[in-house]
Amino acid sequence: MHGGEGAGAQFFREVRSMSAFSDRDFARFSQMIYQQCGINLRPHKKEMLEARLRKRLRMLGVDSFSAYADYVFSEEGRRQELAHLIDVVTTNKTDFFREPAHFAFLQHGGLADLVEHFGIGVRRRLRAWSAACSSGEEPYTLAMVLSEFGRTLPGFDYSILATDVSGRVLDAARLGVYGADKVEPVPEPLRRRYLLRSRDPERRQLRIAPELRARVEFRHLNFMDPDWGLRDPPDLIFCRNVLIYFDRSTQQRLLERFCHLLPQGRYLFLGHSESLHGMGLPLTQMAPSIYRRN
């Protein structure tokens, strides 16, 4: 099923008016969402989930939350519709140079330290992972920062893996096209260097320069998957403002997996509202929400 058409359309019965979103409906959806992508929807999120699901049901021409739940829980629904349900649930708030202190840390010592102590970026390519990359602003910001560092160090090399559970935002990120208002946080010298204006001035859109887009690989990844498919350990992990959507036990498991991936001396960046207090992880805090693997 996609965009209101597909094999699943036969599943639904015609109902004249959309049913109420019951506590049972909420419990079914929240349980599935927790099992599939780890997001913990507490009871106070019921209205938010209902509003978002209503938009999806209207798009599909479906009038019953329970019928939609039955379909998503079916074998066919898991194949055809589950990705759309995850798109509905996930929040994709992001900006260029969001939480700028993280990028300043890299610019003013973090990257130079990796080069000096490990030869990263010189003896071998620096590998960065933007986990939960949303519509691409974070990995493209990181690409600008790394490219600027490379202008001061000939031969500096890097690549960025950008992942998200939402296929919809990954499609937008791969395009690398943003409205003029979205790129306002990008400093003017970087705009001139890394952003291309549309040939149609009425569109007020800019696109990430091809040499920057070539540095970023976008890939679907669900944190609940047993194998993330990361064959080479990352030197930088950005996983910011994501843990807040998980319960404490899921946060602990994810952070332990991050630590297992990170070699000694490499960096993990979290959101400013996310805390590692009491988790006993092999990380040393270098600055607010910036951690180094022991």
C-alpha atoms as a PDB file:
ATOM      1  CA  MET A   1       0.000   0.000   0.000  1.00  0.00           C
ATOM      2  CA  HIS A   2       1.320   3.393  -0.881  1.00  0.00           C
ATOM      3  CA  GLY A   3      -0.394   6.756  -1.112  1.00  0.00           C
ATOM      4  CA  GLY A   4      -3.871   5.229  -0.812  1.00  0.00           C
ATOM      5  CA  GLU A   5      -3.470   2.512  -3.436  1.00  0.00           C
ATOM      6  CA  GLY A   6      -2.152  -1.032  -3.528  1.00  0.00           C
ATOM      7  CA  ALA A   7      -3.006  -4.563  -2.528  1.00  0.00           C
ATOM      8  CA  GLY A   8      -4.053  -3.532   0.962  1.00  0.00           C
ATOM      9  CA  ALA A   9      -6.999  -1.520  -0.334  1.00  0.00           C
ATOM     10  CA  GLN A  10      -9.066  -4.714  -0.532  1.00  0.00           C
ATOM     11  CA  PHE A  11      -8.598  -5.287   3.189  1.00  0.00           C
ATOM     12  CA  PHE A  12     -10.746  -2.445   4.419  1.00  0.00           C
ATOM     13  CA  ARG A  13     -14.514  -2.364   4.786  1.00  0.00           C
ATOM     14  CA  GLU A  14     -16.420   0.785   3.943  1.00  0.00           C
ATOM     15  CA  VAL A  15     -17.380   2.771   7.015  1.00  0.00           C
ATOM     16  CA  ARG A  16     -19.362   5.987   6.711  1.00  0.00           C
ATOM     17  CA  SER A  17     -17.583   8.041   9.399  1.00  0.00           C
ATOM     18  CA  MET A  18     -14.192   7.727  11.028  1.00  0.00           C
ATOM     19  CA  SER A  19     -14.363   5.856  14.312  1.00  0.00           C
ATOM     20  CA  ALA A  20     -13.098   7.186  17.617  1.00  0.00           C
ATOM     21  CA  PHE A  21      -9.507   6.508  18.608  1.00  0.00           C
ATOM     22  CA  SER A  22     -10.012   4.259  21.619  1.00  0.00           C
ATOM     23  CA  ASP A  23      -7.595   3.463  24.433  1.00  0.00           C
ATOM     24  CA  ARG A  24      -7.389  -0.038  22.970  1.00  0.00           C
ATOM     25  CA  ASP A  25      -6.392   1.372  19.590  1.00  0.00           C
ATOM     26  CA  PHE A  26      -3.731   3.508  21.240  1.00  0.00           C
ATOM     27  CA  ALA A  27      -2.396   0.521  23.192  1.00  0.00           C
ATOM     28  CA  ARG A  28      -2.165  -1.600  20.027  1.00  0.00           C
ATOM     29  CA  PHE A  29      -0.340   1.054  18.038  1.00  0.00           C
ATOM     30  CA  SER A  30       1.991   2.098  20.849  1.00  0.00           C
ATOM     31  CA  GLN A  31       2.927  -1.542  21.516  1.00  0.00           C
ATOM     32  CA  MET A  32       3.736  -2.155  17.850  1.00  0.00           C
ATOM     33  CA  ILE A  33       5.706   1.086  17.556  1.00  0.00           C
ATOM     34  CA  TYR A  34       7.718   0.177  20.654  1.00  0.00           C
ATOM     35  CA  GLN A  35       8.447  -3.295  19.326  1.00  0.00           C
ATOM     36  CA  GLN A  36       9.349  -2.128  15.835  1.00  0.00           C
ATOM     37  CA  CYS A  37      11.442   0.985  16.447  1.00  0.00           C
ATOM     38  CA  GLY A  38      11.813   1.377  20.227  1.00  0.00           C
ATOM     39  CA  ILE A  39       9.861   4.631  20.492  1.00  0.00           C
ATOM     40  CA  ASN A  40       8.041   4.801  23.804  1.00  0.00           C
ATOM     41  CA  LEU A  41       4.680   6.545  23.370  1.00  0.00           C
ATOM     42  CA  ARG A  42       3.385   7.455  26.814  1.00  0.00           C
ATOM     43  CA  PRO A  43      -0.362   7.982  27.403  1.00  0.00           C
ATOM     44  CA  HIS A  44      -0.078  11.770  27.078  1.00  0.00           C
ATOM     45  CA  LYS A  45       0.960  11.208  23.422  1.00  0.00           C
ATOM     46  CA  LYS A  46      -2.414   9.732  22.534  1.00  0.00           C
ATOM     47  CA  GLU A  47      -3.810  12.948  21.017  1.00  0.00           C
ATOM     48  CA  MET A  48      -0.654  13.507  18.989  1.00  0.00           C
ATOM     49  CA  LEU A  49      -0.758   9.971  17.611  1.00  0.00           C
ATOM     50  CA  GLU A  50      -4.465  10.238  16.828  1.00  0.00           C
ATOM     51  CA  ALA A  51      -3.984  13.489  14.895  1.00  0.00           C
ATOM     52  CA  ARG A  52      -1.158  12.045  12.822  1.00  0.00           C
ATOM     53  CA  LEU A  53      -2.966   8.778  12.157  1.00  0.00           C
ATOM     54  CA  ARG A  54      -6.107  10.613  11.046  1.00  0.00           C
ATOM     55  CA  LYS A  55      -4.105  12.278   8.273  1.00  0.00           C
ATOM     56  CA  ARG A  56      -2.793   8.908   7.122  1.00  0.00           C
ATOM     57  CA  LEU A  57      -6.234   7.286   7.257  1.00  0.00           C
ATOM     58  CA  ARG A  58      -7.756  10.137   5.238  1.00  0.00           C
ATOM     59  CA  MET A  59      -5.013   9.714   2.648  1.00  0.00           C
ATOM     60  CA  LEU A  60      -5.858   6.006   2.400  1.00  0.00           C
ATOM     61  CA  GLY A  61      -9.610   6.520   2.450  1.00  0.00           C
ATOM     62  CA  VAL A  62      -9.900   4.430   5.622  1.00  0.00           C
ATOM     63  CA  ASP A  63     -12.463   5.318   8.299  1.00  0.00           C
ATOM     64  CA  SER A  64     -11.622   2.906  11.110  1.00  0.00           C
ATOM     65  CA  PHE A  65      -8.571   2.956  13.374  1.00  0.00           C
ATOM     66  CA  SER A  66      -9.188  -0.656  14.330  1.00  0.00           C
ATOM     67  CA  ALA A  67      -9.351  -1.752  10.675  1.00  0.00           C
ATOM     68  CA  TYR A  68      -6.098   0.073   9.991  1.00  0.00           C
ATOM     69  CA  ALA A  69      -4.508  -1.563  13.050  1.00  0.00           C
ATOM     70  CA  ASP A  70      -5.700  -5.000  11.902  1.00  0.00           C
ATOM     71  CA  TYR A  71      -4.106  -4.379   8.536  1.00  0.00           C
ATOM     72  CA  VAL A  72      -0.789  -3.094   9.910  1.00  0.00           C
ATOM     73  CA  PHE A  73      -0.620  -6.125  12.205  1.00  0.00           C
ATOM     74  CA  SER A  74      -1.198  -8.513   9.310  1.00  0.00           C
ATOM     75  CA  GLU A  75       1.670 -10.096   7.393  1.00  0.00           C
ATOM     76  CA  GLU A  76       0.864  -8.057   4.295  1.00  0.00           C
ATOM     77  CA  GLY A  77       0.481  -4.862   6.302  1.00  0.00           C
ATOM     78  CA  ARG A  78       3.905  -5.282   7.870  1.00  0.00           C
ATOM     79  CA  ARG A  79       5.366  -5.456   4.376  1.00  0.00           C
ATOM     80  CA  GLN A  80       3.298  -2.713   2.748  1.00  0.00           C
ATOM     81  CA  GLU A  81       2.278  -0.226   5.427  1.00  0.00           C
ATOM     82  CA  LEU A  82       4.560  -0.489   8.447  1.00  0.00           C
ATOM     83  CA  ALA A  83       7.107   1.924   6.963  1.00  0.00           C
ATOM     84  CA  HIS A  84       4.338   4.509   6.490  1.00  0.00           C
ATOM     85  CA  LEU A  85       3.232   4.062  10.102  1.00  0.00           C
ATOM     86  CA  ILE A  86       6.790   4.692  11.278  1.00  0.00           C
ATOM     87  CA  ASP A  87       6.913   7.816   9.099  1.00  0.00           C
ATOM     88  CA  VAL A  88       3.719   9.001  10.798  1.00  0.00           C
ATOM     89  CA  VAL A  89       5.124   8.501  14.270  1.00  0.00           C
ATOM     90  CA  THR A  90       8.667   9.791  13.967  1.00  0.00           C
ATOM     91  CA  THR A  91       9.410  13.438  14.715  1.00  0.00           C
ATOM     92  CA  ASN A  92      11.883  14.974  12.300  1.00  0.00           C
ATOM     93  CA  LYS A  93      12.875  18.312  13.805  1.00  0.00           C
ATOM     94  CA  THR A  94      16.319  19.371  12.663  1.00  0.00           C
ATOM     95  CA  ASP A  95      18.273  22.370  11.414  1.00  0.00           C
ATOM     96  CA  PHE A  96      21.616  23.220   9.888  1.00  0.00           C
ATOM     97  CA  PHE A  97      24.227  23.861  12.598  1.00  0.00           C
ATOM     98  CA  ARG A  98      21.803  22.815  15.313  1.00  0.00           C
ATOM     99  CA  GLU A  99      23.564  22.835  18.707  1.00  0.00           C
ATOM    100  CA  PRO A 100      26.540  24.669  17.171  1.00  0.00           C
ATOM    101  CA  ALA A 101      28.881  24.014  20.108  1.00  0.00           C
ATOM    102  CA  HIS A 102      29.305  20.456  18.828  1.00  0.00           C
ATOM    103  CA  PHE A 103      30.666  21.630  15.505  1.00  0.00           C
ATOM    104  CA  ALA A 104      32.788  24.285  17.198  1.00  0.00           C
ATOM    105  CA  PHE A 105      34.347  21.525  19.336  1.00  0.00           C
ATOM    106  CA  LEU A 106      35.408  19.678  16.194  1.00  0.00           C
ATOM    107  CA  GLN A 107      36.667  22.840  14.512  1.00  0.00           C
ATOM    108  CA  HIS A 108      38.669  24.040  17.511  1.00  0.00           C
ATOM    109  CA  GLY A 109      40.535  20.913  18.536  1.00  0.00           C
ATOM    110  CA  GLY A 110      38.486  17.734  18.200  1.00  0.00           C
ATOM    111  CA  LEU A 111      39.455  16.991  14.598  1.00  0.00           C
ATOM    112  CA  ALA A 112      43.071  18.055  15.066  1.00  0.00           C
ATOM    113  CA  ASP A 113      43.277  15.700  18.055  1.00  0.00           C
ATOM    114  CA  LEU A 114      42.073  12.731  15.978  1.00  0.00           C
ATOM    115  CA  VAL A 115      44.635  13.530  13.297  1.00  0.00           C
ATOM    116  CA  GLU A 116      47.499  14.000  15.766  1.00  0.00           C
ATOM    117  CA  HIS A 117      46.895  10.919  17.927  1.00  0.00           C
ATOM    118  CA  PHE A 118      45.466   8.433  15.435  1.00  0.00           C
ATOM    119  CA  GLY A 119      46.245   9.768  11.970  1.00  0.00           C
ATOM    120  CA  ILE A 120      42.522   9.729  11.239  1.00  0.00           C
ATOM    121  CA  GLY A 121      41.699  11.569   8.040  1.00  0.00           C
ATOM    122  CA  VAL A 122      45.330  11.399   6.905  1.00  0.00           C
ATOM    123  CA  ARG A 123      46.604   7.834   7.239  1.00  0.00           C
ATOM    124  CA  ARG A 124      43.072   6.585   6.689  1.00  0.00           C
ATOM    125  CA  ARG A 125      39.683   8.108   5.980  1.00  0.00           C
ATOM    126  CA  LEU A 126      37.735   9.623   8.866  1.00  0.00           C
ATOM    127  CA  ARG A 127      34.361   7.882   9.224  1.00  0.00           C
ATOM    128  CA  ALA A 128      31.421   9.743  10.739  1.00  0.00           C
ATOM    129  CA  TRP A 129      27.936   8.380  11.459  1.00  0.00           C
ATOM    130  CA  SER A 130      24.927  10.684  11.621  1.00  0.00           C
ATOM    131  CA  ALA A 131      22.407   8.409  13.317  1.00  0.00           C
ATOM    132  CA  ALA A 132      18.788   9.517  12.975  1.00  0.00           C
ATOM    133  CA  CYS A 133      19.812  12.028  10.301  1.00  0.00           C
ATOM    134  CA  SER A 134      16.240  13.108   9.457  1.00  0.00           C
ATOM    135  CA  SER A 135      16.068  15.269   6.307  1.00  0.00           C
ATOM    136  CA  GLY A 136      19.833  15.674   6.036  1.00  0.00           C
ATOM    137  CA  GLU A 137      20.691  18.979   7.685  1.00  0.00           C
ATOM    138  CA  GLU A 138      22.934  17.352  10.292  1.00  0.00           C
ATOM    139  CA  PRO A 139      25.130  15.241   7.979  1.00  0.00           C
ATOM    140  CA  TYR A 140      25.438  18.059   5.459  1.00  0.00           C
ATOM    141  CA  THR A 141      26.465  20.440   8.253  1.00  0.00           C
ATOM    142  CA  LEU A 142      29.053  17.906   9.356  1.00  0.00           C
ATOM    143  CA  ALA A 143      30.254  17.599   5.745  1.00  0.00           C
ATOM    144  CA  MET A 144      30.752  21.365   5.582  1.00  0.00           C
ATOM    145  CA  VAL A 145      32.742  21.354   8.822  1.00  0.00           C
ATOM    146  CA  LEU A 146      34.935  18.447   7.719  1.00  0.00           C
ATOM    147  CA  SER A 147      35.474  19.948   4.273  1.00  0.00           C
ATOM    148  CA  GLU A 148      36.496  23.261   5.819  1.00  0.00           C
ATOM    149  CA  PHE A 149      38.976  21.443   8.044  1.00  0.00           C
ATOM    150  CA  GLY A 150      40.312  19.687   4.960  1.00  0.00           C
ATOM    151  CA  ARG A 151      41.025  23.042   3.334  1.00  0.00           C
ATOM    152  CA  THR A 152      43.657  23.594   6.046  1.00  0.00           C
ATOM    153  CA  LEU A 153      45.088  20.058   5.846  1.00  0.00           C
ATOM    154  CA  PRO A 154      45.860  18.798   2.335  1.00  0.00           C
ATOM    155  CA  GLY A 155      44.984  15.152   1.846  1.00  0.00           C
ATOM    156  CA  PHE A 156      42.396  15.081   4.628  1.00  0.00           C
ATOM    157  CA  ASP A 157      39.733  12.516   3.715  1.00  0.00           C
ATOM    158  CA  TYR A 158      36.366  11.655   5.225  1.00  0.00           C
ATOM    159  CA  SER A 159      33.045   9.945   4.600  1.00  0.00           C
ATOM    160  CA  ILE A 160      29.699  10.219   6.363  1.00  0.00           C
ATOM    161  CA  LEU A 161      27.081   7.529   6.842  1.00  0.00           C
ATOM    162  CA  ALA A 162      23.657   9.073   7.489  1.00  0.00           C
ATOM    163  CA  THR A 163      20.852   6.783   8.630  1.00  0.00           C
ATOM    164  CA  ASP A 164      17.231   7.069   9.663  1.00  0.00           C
ATOM    165  CA  VAL A 165      14.270   4.790  10.259  1.00  0.00           C
ATOM    166  CA  SER A 166      12.017   6.946   8.055  1.00  0.00           C
ATOM    167  CA  GLY A 167      12.221   6.341   4.328  1.00  0.00           C
ATOM    168  CA  ARG A 168      10.347   9.576   3.635  1.00  0.00           C
ATOM    169  CA  VAL A 169      12.974  11.827   5.194  1.00  0.00           C
ATOM    170  CA  LEU A 170      15.808   9.824   3.635  1.00  0.00           C
ATOM    171  CA  ASP A 171      14.372  10.512   0.180  1.00  0.00           C
ATOM    172  CA  ALA A 172      14.348  14.238   0.938  1.00  0.00           C
ATOM    173  CA  ALA A 173      17.862  14.109   2.370  1.00  0.00           C
ATOM    174  CA  ARG A 174      19.285  12.438  -0.729  1.00  0.00           C
ATOM    175  CA  LEU A 175      17.934  15.259  -2.880  1.00  0.00           C
ATOM    176  CA  GLY A 176      19.702  17.833  -0.730  1.00  0.00           C
ATOM    177  CA  VAL A 177      17.290  20.624  -1.714  1.00  0.00           C
ATOM    178  CA  TYR A 178      16.263  23.175   0.937  1.00  0.00           C
ATOM    179  CA  GLY A 179      14.279  26.383   1.092  1.00  0.00           C
ATOM    180  CA  ALA A 180      16.142  29.649   1.588  1.00  0.00           C
ATOM    181  CA  ASP A 181      14.757  29.952   5.119  1.00  0.00           C
ATOM    182  CA  LYS A 182      16.154  26.534   6.088  1.00  0.00           C
ATOM    183  CA  VAL A 183      19.737  27.459   5.192  1.00  0.00           C
ATOM    184  CA  GLU A 184      19.803  30.730   7.166  1.00  0.00           C
ATOM    185  CA  PRO A 185      21.890  29.181   9.997  1.00  0.00           C
ATOM    186  CA  VAL A 186      24.659  28.344   7.503  1.00  0.00           C
ATOM    187  CA  PRO A 187      27.397  31.024   7.639  1.00  0.00           C
ATOM    188  CA  GLU A 188      27.560  33.101   4.484  1.00  0.00           C
ATOM    189  CA  PRO A 189      31.031  31.911   3.370  1.00  0.00           C
ATOM    190  CA  LEU A 190      29.843  28.297   3.592  1.00  0.00           C
ATOM    191  CA  ARG A 191      26.650  29.117   1.720  1.00  0.00           C
ATOM    192  CA  ARG A 192      28.673  30.510  -1.150  1.00  0.00           C
ATOM    193  CA  ARG A 193      30.974  27.507  -1.162  1.00  0.00           C
ATOM    194  CA  TYR A 194      28.604  24.590  -0.602  1.00  0.00           C
ATOM    195  CA  LEU A 195      25.097  25.665  -1.665  1.00  0.00           C
ATOM    196  CA  LEU A 196      23.858  26.096  -5.226  1.00  0.00           C
ATOM    197  CA  ARG A 197      20.984  28.462  -5.962  1.00  0.00           C
ATOM    198  CA  SER A 198      18.117  27.415  -8.187  1.00  0.00           C
ATOM    199  CA  ARG A 199      18.234  28.802 -11.711  1.00  0.00           C
ATOM    200  CA  ASP A 200      14.660  29.912 -11.133  1.00  0.00           C
ATOM    201  CA  PRO A 201      14.868  32.829  -8.649  1.00  0.00           C
ATOM    202  CA  GLU A 202      11.167  32.490  -7.863  1.00  0.00           C
ATOM    203  CA  ARG A 203      11.720  29.088  -6.256  1.00  0.00           C
ATOM    204  CA  ARG A 204      14.051  30.376  -3.508  1.00  0.00           C
ATOM    205  CA  GLN A 205      15.630  26.952  -3.163  1.00  0.00           C
ATOM    206  CA  LEU A 206      19.237  25.871  -2.757  1.00  0.00           C
ATOM    207  CA  ARG A 207      20.898  22.522  -3.278  1.00  0.00           C
ATOM    208  CA  ILE A 208      23.885  21.006  -1.542  1.00  0.00           C
ATOM    209  CA  ALA A 209      26.891  21.061  -3.888  1.00  0.00           C
ATOM    210  CA  PRO A 210      27.570  17.696  -5.584  1.00  0.00           C
ATOM    211  CA  GLU A 211      31.042  17.318  -4.085  1.00  0.00           C
ATOM    212  CA  LEU A 212      29.458  17.480  -0.618  1.00  0.00           C
ATOM    213  CA  ARG A 213      26.567  15.155  -1.485  1.00  0.00           C
ATOM    214  CA  ALA A 214      29.102  12.623  -2.759  1.00  0.00           C
ATOM    215  CA  ARG A 215      30.622  12.447   0.722  1.00  0.00           C
ATOM    216  CA  VAL A 216      27.359  11.341   2.391  1.00  0.00           C
ATOM    217  CA  GLU A 217      25.763   7.913   2.052  1.00  0.00           C
ATOM    218  CA  PHE A 218      22.119   7.769   3.159  1.00  0.00           C
ATOM    219  CA  ARG A 219      20.824   4.434   4.369  1.00  0.00           C
ATOM    220  CA  HIS A 220      17.765   3.065   6.177  1.00  0.00           C
ATOM    221  CA  LEU A 221      18.550   1.841   9.678  1.00  0.00           C
ATOM    222  CA  ASN A 222      16.322   0.829  12.566  1.00  0.00           C
ATOM    223  CA  PHE A 223      17.989   0.954  15.979  1.00  0.00           C
ATOM    224  CA  MET A 224      15.999  -2.161  16.946  1.00  0.00           C
ATOM    225  CA  ASP A 225      17.643  -4.256  14.222  1.00  0.00           C
ATOM    226  CA  PRO A 226      20.087  -6.815  15.653  1.00  0.00           C
ATOM    227  CA  ASP A 227      22.661  -6.004  12.943  1.00  0.00           C
ATOM    228  CA  TRP A 228      23.189  -2.372  11.963  1.00  0.00           C
ATOM    229  CA  GLY A 229      25.426  -3.317   9.066  1.00  0.00           C
ATOM    230  CA  LEU A 230      28.269  -1.013  10.124  1.00  0.00           C
ATOM    231  CA  ARG A 231      31.339  -2.956   9.043  1.00  0.00           C
ATOM    232  CA  ASP A 232      33.863  -0.193   9.781  1.00  0.00           C
ATOM    233  CA  PRO A 233      33.898   1.468  13.212  1.00  0.00           C
ATOM    234  CA  PRO A 234      33.003   5.172  13.169  1.00  0.00           C
ATOM    235  CA  ASP A 235      35.265   7.860  14.571  1.00  0.00           C
ATOM    236  CA  LEU A 236      32.352  10.236  15.247  1.00  0.00           C
ATOM    237  CA  ILE A 237      28.794   9.295  16.177  1.00  0.00           C
ATOM    238  CA  PHE A 238      26.135  11.993  16.162  1.00  0.00           C
ATOM    239  CA  CYS A 239      22.953  10.700  17.793  1.00  0.00           C
ATOM    240  CA  ARG A 240      21.301  13.862  19.023  1.00  0.00           C
ATOM    241  CA  ASN A 241      17.815  14.431  20.418  1.00  0.00           C
ATOM    242  CA  VAL A 242      16.852  10.821  19.698  1.00  0.00           C
ATOM    243  CA  LEU A 243      17.285   9.027  23.015  1.00  0.00           C
ATOM    244  CA  ILE A 244      14.525  11.162  24.534  1.00  0.00           C
ATOM    245  CA  TYR A 245      11.995   9.079  22.586  1.00  0.00           C
ATOM    246  CA  PHE A 246      13.135   5.794  24.199  1.00  0.00           C
ATOM    247  CA  ASP A 247      12.650   4.404  27.680  1.00  0.00           C
ATOM    248  CA  ARG A 248      15.619   4.049  30.027  1.00  0.00           C
ATOM    249  CA  SER A 249      16.340   0.388  29.269  1.00  0.00           C
ATOM    250  CA  THR A 250      16.323   1.030  25.507  1.00  0.00           C
ATOM    251  CA  GLN A 251      18.598   4.047  25.970  1.00  0.00           C
ATOM    252  CA  GLN A 252      21.032   1.886  27.937  1.00  0.00           C
ATOM    253  CA  ARG A 253      21.101  -0.829  25.260  1.00  0.00           C
ATOM    254  CA  LEU A 254      21.630   1.668  22.438  1.00  0.00           C
ATOM    255  CA  LEU A 255      24.411   3.516  24.221  1.00  0.00           C
ATOM    256  CA  GLU A 256      26.173   0.253  25.032  1.00  0.00           C
ATOM    257  CA  ARG A 257      26.046  -0.634  21.336  1.00  0.00           C
ATOM    258  CA  PHE A 258      27.461   2.776  20.421  1.00  0.00           C
ATOM    259  CA  CYS A 259      30.311   2.265  22.893  1.00  0.00           C
ATOM    260  CA  HIS A 260      31.000  -1.178  21.452  1.00  0.00           C
ATOM    261  CA  LEU A 261      31.299   0.377  17.985  1.00  0.00           C
ATOM    262  CA  LEU A 262      33.447   3.365  18.987  1.00  0.00           C
ATOM    263  CA  PRO A 263      37.189   2.747  19.183  1.00  0.00           C
ATOM    264  CA  GLN A 264      39.148   4.284  22.023  1.00  0.00           C
ATOM    265  CA  GLY A 265      39.548   8.046  21.804  1.00  0.00           C
ATOM    266  CA  ARG A 266      36.658   8.600  19.388  1.00  0.00           C
ATOM    267  CA  TYR A 267      33.657  10.862  20.020  1.00  0.00           C
ATOM    268  CA  LEU A 268      29.940  10.499  20.709  1.00  0.00           C
ATOM    269  CA  PHE A 269      27.659  13.543  20.434  1.00  0.00           C
ATOM    270  CA  LEU A 270      24.239  13.544  22.110  1.00  0.00           C
ATOM    271  CA  GLY A 271      21.483  16.133  22.459  1.00  0.00           C
ATOM    272  CA  HIS A 272      21.767  18.670  25.261  1.00  0.00           C
ATOM    273  CA  SER A 273      18.685  17.285  27.010  1.00  0.00           C
ATOM    274  CA  GLU A 274      20.029  13.715  27.073  1.00  0.00           C
ATOM    275  CA  SER A 275      21.877  12.394  30.108  1.00  0.00           C
ATOM    276  CA  LEU A 276      24.140   9.393  30.692  1.00  0.00           C
ATOM    277  CA  HIS A 277      23.924   9.754  34.477  1.00  0.00           C
ATOM    278  CA  GLY A 278      24.076   6.433  36.274  1.00  0.00           C
ATOM    279  CA  MET A 279      24.603   4.284  33.161  1.00  0.00           C
ATOM    280  CA  GLY A 280      28.189   3.267  33.902  1.00  0.00           C
ATOM    281  CA  LEU A 281      29.371   3.640  30.318  1.00  0.00           C
ATOM    282  CA  PRO A 282      33.052   3.740  29.243  1.00  0.00           C
ATOM    283  CA  LEU A 283      32.800   7.394  28.223  1.00  0.00           C
ATOM    284  CA  THR A 284      34.462  10.569  29.469  1.00  0.00           C
ATOM    285  CA  GLN A 285      32.588  13.854  29.120  1.00  0.00           C
ATOM    286  CA  MET A 286      34.669  16.396  27.192  1.00  0.00           C
ATOM    287  CA  ALA A 287      32.071  19.178  27.048  1.00  0.00           C
ATOM    288  CA  PRO A 288      28.277  19.395  27.474  1.00  0.00           C
ATOM    289  CA  SER A 289      26.799  16.398  25.585  1.00  0.00           C
ATOM    290  CA  ILE A 290      30.181  15.488  24.020  1.00  0.00           C
ATOM    291  CA  TYR A 291      31.789  12.219  25.141  1.00  0.00           C
ATOM    292  CA  ARG A 292      35.013  10.384  24.368  1.00  0.00           C
ATOM    293  CA  ARG A 293      35.382   6.628  24.410  1.00  0.00           C
ATOM    294  CA  ASN A 294      37.712   5.513  27.228  1.00  0.00           C
END
